[in-house]
Protein backbone atom coordinates (compact mmCIF):
# COMPACT_ATOMS: atom_id res chain seq x y z
CA MET A 1 -11.41 -16.76 -10.43
CA ASN A 2 -11.58 -17.39 -6.67
CA THR A 3 -15.05 -17.52 -5.16
CA VAL A 4 -15.63 -15.85 -1.79
CA LEU A 5 -18.74 -16.50 0.29
CA VAL A 6 -19.80 -13.65 2.57
CA VAL A 7 -22.08 -14.62 5.46
CA ASP A 8 -23.69 -11.80 7.45
CA ASP A 9 -27.22 -10.94 8.53
CA GLU A 10 -26.80 -7.25 7.69
CA ALA A 11 -27.80 -6.59 4.07
CA LYS A 12 -25.75 -3.38 3.94
CA ILE A 13 -22.54 -5.21 4.86
CA LEU A 14 -23.27 -7.94 2.32
CA ASP A 15 -23.75 -5.35 -0.44
CA ILE A 16 -20.60 -3.38 0.43
CA VAL A 17 -18.33 -6.42 0.80
CA LYS A 18 -19.71 -8.05 -2.36
CA SER A 19 -19.08 -4.85 -4.32
CA TYR A 20 -15.47 -4.60 -3.12
CA LEU A 21 -14.84 -8.29 -3.79
CA GLU A 22 -16.10 -8.02 -7.36
CA LYS A 23 -14.04 -4.87 -7.97
CA SER A 24 -11.02 -6.82 -6.69
CA GLY A 25 -11.59 -9.59 -9.24
CA TYR A 26 -13.35 -12.21 -7.11
CA ARG A 27 -16.64 -13.99 -7.65
CA ALA A 28 -18.75 -13.06 -4.62
CA LEU A 29 -21.62 -15.05 -3.09
CA THR A 30 -23.70 -13.86 -0.14
CA ALA A 31 -25.77 -15.51 2.57
CA GLY A 32 -27.78 -13.98 5.40
CA THR A 33 -28.17 -17.12 7.51
CA GLY A 34 -26.21 -20.21 8.40
CA LYS A 35 -28.58 -22.42 6.40
CA GLU A 36 -28.14 -20.25 3.31
CA ALA A 37 -24.37 -20.42 3.80
CA LEU A 38 -24.36 -24.22 3.97
CA ALA A 39 -26.48 -24.42 0.81
CA ALA A 40 -24.07 -22.08 -1.02
CA LEU A 41 -21.07 -24.10 0.15
CA ARG A 42 -22.61 -27.35 -1.06
CA SER A 43 -23.47 -26.01 -4.51
CA ASN A 44 -20.36 -23.91 -5.24
CA LYS A 45 -16.59 -24.32 -5.14
CA VAL A 46 -15.80 -21.70 -2.51
CA SER A 47 -12.19 -20.59 -2.02
CA LEU A 48 -12.63 -18.47 1.11
CA LEU A 49 -15.33 -17.81 3.70
CA LEU A 50 -16.02 -14.40 5.29
CA LEU A 51 -18.11 -15.20 8.34
CA ASP A 52 -20.06 -13.05 10.79
CA LEU A 53 -20.20 -14.54 14.28
CA MET A 54 -23.79 -13.51 15.03
CA LEU A 55 -26.32 -15.10 12.68
CA PRO A 56 -30.09 -15.37 13.13
CA ASP A 57 -30.43 -19.16 12.98
CA PHE A 58 -27.20 -20.47 14.52
CA SER A 59 -23.90 -19.00 15.56
CA GLY A 60 -20.95 -18.26 13.32
CA GLU A 61 -18.83 -20.38 15.66
CA GLU A 62 -21.09 -23.36 14.98
CA LEU A 63 -20.88 -22.80 11.24
CA CYS A 64 -17.10 -22.41 11.46
CA ARG A 65 -16.76 -25.75 13.25
CA LYS A 66 -18.90 -27.49 10.65
CA VAL A 67 -17.02 -26.01 7.70
CA ARG A 68 -13.64 -26.73 9.28
CA SER A 69 -14.59 -30.38 9.86
CA GLU A 70 -15.07 -30.77 6.11
CA SER A 71 -12.69 -28.27 4.49
CA ASP A 72 -9.40 -26.44 4.96
CA MET A 73 -10.56 -23.32 3.08
CA PRO A 74 -9.44 -20.05 4.69
CA ILE A 75 -12.02 -18.60 7.08
CA ILE A 76 -11.95 -14.94 8.10
CA MET A 77 -14.31 -13.99 10.88
CA MET A 78 -16.07 -10.62 10.85
CA THR A 79 -17.13 -9.74 14.36
CA ALA A 80 -18.31 -6.91 16.59
CA LYS A 81 -16.82 -8.83 19.52
CA VAL A 82 -13.58 -7.00 20.18
CA ASP A 83 -12.47 -8.73 23.39
CA GLU A 84 -9.38 -10.88 23.08
CA GLU A 85 -11.03 -14.04 24.42
CA SER A 86 -13.75 -13.99 21.74
CA ILE A 87 -11.12 -13.61 19.03
CA ILE A 88 -8.97 -16.38 20.45
CA ARG A 89 -12.02 -18.64 20.71
CA GLY A 90 -12.72 -18.04 17.01
CA LEU A 91 -9.15 -18.90 16.08
CA ARG A 92 -9.27 -21.95 18.31
CA ILE A 93 -12.26 -23.45 16.50
CA GLY A 94 -10.68 -23.06 13.08
CA ALA A 95 -10.72 -19.46 11.82
CA ASP A 96 -7.55 -18.27 10.10
CA ASP A 97 -7.98 -14.54 10.65
CA TYR A 98 -10.46 -11.98 11.93
CA VAL A 99 -11.59 -8.40 11.39
CA THR A 100 -13.52 -6.39 13.94
CA LYS A 101 -16.52 -4.25 13.04
CA PRO A 102 -16.60 -1.55 11.88
CA PHE A 103 -13.83 -2.43 9.44
CA SER A 104 -12.22 -0.86 6.41
CA PRO A 105 -13.32 -2.65 3.20
CA ARG A 106 -9.87 -2.02 1.73
CA GLN A 107 -8.21 -3.69 4.73
CA LEU A 108 -10.62 -6.58 4.41
CA MET A 109 -9.66 -7.02 0.74
CA ALA A 110 -5.99 -7.07 1.75
CA ARG A 111 -6.72 -9.80 4.30
CA VAL A 112 -8.68 -11.81 1.73
CA ALA A 113 -5.78 -11.59 -0.72
CA ALA A 114 -3.27 -12.54 1.99
CA ALA A 115 -5.34 -15.53 3.16
CA LEU A 116 -5.66 -16.84 -0.40
CA ARG A 117 -1.91 -16.41 -0.97
CA ARG A 118 -1.18 -18.38 2.18
CA ALA A 119 -3.59 -21.10 1.11
CA ASP A 120 -1.69 -21.50 -2.16
CA GLY A 121 1.03 -23.39 -0.29
CA PRO A 122 4.52 -23.03 1.21
CA SER A 123 6.19 -22.50 -2.16
CA SER A 124 4.58 -19.07 -2.48
CA GLY A 125 6.93 -17.69 0.19
CA THR A 126 4.97 -14.96 1.99
CA GLY A 127 7.24 -14.30 4.91
CA PRO A 128 10.25 -12.01 5.24
CA GLY A 129 13.83 -12.89 6.07
CA GLU A 130 14.57 -16.38 7.27
CA GLY A 131 10.93 -17.41 7.01
CA ARG A 132 10.87 -16.69 3.28
CA ASN A 133 14.06 -18.70 2.76
CA LEU A 134 12.64 -21.57 4.76
CA GLN A 135 9.50 -21.60 2.65
CA ARG A 136 11.63 -22.13 -0.45
CA SER A 137 13.86 -24.83 1.00
CA PHE A 138 11.38 -27.38 2.38
CA PRO A 139 12.24 -30.97 1.39
CA ARG A 140 9.50 -32.80 -0.51
CA ILE A 141 9.00 -35.34 2.27
CA LEU A 142 9.30 -34.61 6.00
CA SER A 143 8.70 -37.45 8.42
CA TRP A 144 9.32 -38.62 11.95
CA GLU A 145 7.91 -41.77 13.51
CA ALA A 146 4.26 -42.13 12.42
CA LEU A 147 3.97 -38.57 11.10
CA SER A 148 4.73 -37.75 7.46
CA ALA A 149 4.26 -34.61 5.34
CA ASP A 150 4.38 -34.46 1.55
CA THR A 151 4.96 -30.77 0.84
CA GLY A 152 4.44 -31.26 -2.88
CA ASN A 153 0.88 -32.45 -2.38
CA ARG A 154 0.29 -30.52 0.89
CA ARG A 155 -0.68 -33.79 2.54
CA VAL A 156 0.06 -34.73 6.13
CA THR A 157 -0.54 -38.27 7.32
CA LYS A 158 -0.21 -40.20 10.56
CA ASN A 159 -0.02 -43.97 10.32
CA GLY A 160 -1.12 -43.58 6.71
CA ALA A 161 -4.30 -41.63 7.50
CA THR A 162 -4.62 -38.10 6.11
CA LEU A 163 -4.98 -35.39 8.76
CA PRO A 164 -7.48 -32.53 8.14
CA LEU A 165 -5.22 -29.57 8.90
CA THR A 166 -6.16 -25.95 8.34
CA PRO A 167 -3.78 -23.86 6.15
CA ASN A 168 -2.18 -22.24 9.21
CA GLU A 169 -1.86 -25.53 11.09
CA TYR A 170 -0.21 -27.07 8.03
CA LYS A 171 2.27 -24.21 7.65
CA ILE A 172 3.19 -24.20 11.33
CA LEU A 173 3.80 -27.96 11.28
CA ILE A 174 5.90 -27.84 8.11
CA LEU A 175 7.94 -24.94 9.49
CA LEU A 176 8.70 -26.80 12.73
CA MET A 177 9.41 -30.10 10.98
CA SER A 178 11.79 -28.41 8.54
CA ARG A 179 14.14 -27.42 11.38
CA PRO A 180 13.87 -30.10 14.07
CA GLN A 181 15.18 -29.11 17.48
CA LYS A 182 15.29 -25.41 16.50
CA ILE A 183 13.30 -23.33 18.95
CA PHE A 184 10.94 -20.98 17.12
CA THR A 185 9.60 -18.00 19.01
CA ARG A 186 5.98 -16.99 18.44
CA ASP A 187 7.15 -13.93 16.52
CA GLU A 188 9.30 -16.09 14.25
CA ILE A 189 6.36 -18.37 13.53
CA ILE A 190 4.14 -15.39 12.73
CA ASP A 191 6.80 -13.85 10.46
CA SER A 192 7.48 -17.12 8.69
CA ILE A 193 3.96 -18.27 7.94
CA LYS A 194 2.06 -15.00 7.63
CA GLY A 195 4.50 -12.28 6.65
CA ASP A 196 4.14 -8.53 6.83
CA ASP A 197 0.40 -8.59 6.08
CA TYR A 198 -0.44 -10.10 9.50
CA ASP A 199 -1.06 -7.91 12.50
CA GLY A 200 -2.35 -10.47 14.99
CA PHE A 201 -0.96 -11.29 18.40
CA ASP A 202 1.20 -14.15 19.58
CA ARG A 203 -1.55 -15.89 21.57
CA ALA A 204 -3.17 -16.76 18.24
CA ILE A 205 -0.15 -19.00 17.57
CA ASP A 206 -0.80 -20.78 20.87
CA SER A 207 -4.36 -21.49 19.73
CA HIS A 208 -3.17 -22.93 16.41
CA ILE A 209 -0.60 -25.08 18.24
CA LYS A 210 -3.30 -26.41 20.59
CA ASN A 211 -5.53 -27.33 17.65
CA LEU A 212 -2.61 -28.93 15.82
CA ARG A 213 -1.71 -31.06 18.82
CA GLN A 214 -5.30 -32.32 19.01
CA LYS A 215 -4.87 -33.68 15.48
CA ILE A 216 -1.33 -35.07 15.47
CA GLU A 217 -0.54 -36.16 19.02
CA ASP A 218 -1.55 -39.44 20.65
CA ASP A 219 -1.94 -37.51 23.91
CA PRO A 220 -2.16 -33.72 23.38
CA ARG A 221 -1.51 -33.16 27.09
CA SER A 222 1.82 -34.97 26.77
CA PRO A 223 3.01 -34.07 23.25
CA ARG A 224 5.82 -35.85 21.46
CA TYR A 225 5.86 -33.96 18.17
CA ILE A 226 5.41 -30.27 19.04
CA LEU A 227 7.12 -29.38 22.28
CA THR A 228 6.81 -26.18 24.30
CA VAL A 229 10.04 -24.54 25.41
CA TYR A 230 8.78 -22.41 28.26
CA GLY A 231 9.63 -18.75 28.00
CA MET A 232 10.95 -19.20 24.46
CA GLY A 233 8.53 -20.84 22.01
CA TYR A 234 8.08 -24.20 20.28
CA ARG A 235 10.19 -26.87 18.61
CA PHE A 236 9.61 -30.13 16.78
CA GLY A 237 10.46 -33.16 18.89
CA GLY A 238 12.24 -35.35 16.32
CA GLU A 239 15.94 -36.00 16.62
CA ASP A 240 16.53 -35.28 12.96
CA GLY A 241 12.97 -34.84 11.64
CA LEU A 242 13.74 -36.36 8.23
């Protein structure tokens, strides 16, 4: 049974979301502050975090950064901030998805299920069309220069050191490495790694790419691995990628 931690300072939201999670077959934990959330994370094996951005002791963004520095669990932000920049900032610091308040509990459950499916790994094949075929055809080992990915163990290393990638960063990297020199549009990346259950916008992909470059590139401002093809999308920089 997957355990979901819900962090929000509104008791009513905690009660509603917990009830829907339990009806959907999850073990649900709740926390009303950032400190309570950290204590719950340290004492439980949490599979997914539902995180409000506005907490009484410290911000959801701060908690997201801390969790992401230690774990690649899916993080879905729950926020009343509906402007695009706030959402992009949340994605940039490590969130995998977001819902804006007020939200439909049924939609939230669908997003929880989708995030957990994506976290299961590339072999689950969540995307339609070419993306789904790609998910099934990844070689076990993908490597170029100092970068190597073991898709069986979901482990990415650079010069032998394991890189702490989020689930979306991992899937984007594996997708690009699987077809070196192919230019992937933002829509293709969204379709391939997220599937029909994702209704985000293409700038979210740019945020994930920026975060990924910070982790894999020697100089993120002059990338060698993930290259931007202006007006088109992104491609992996290896000659053959394998």
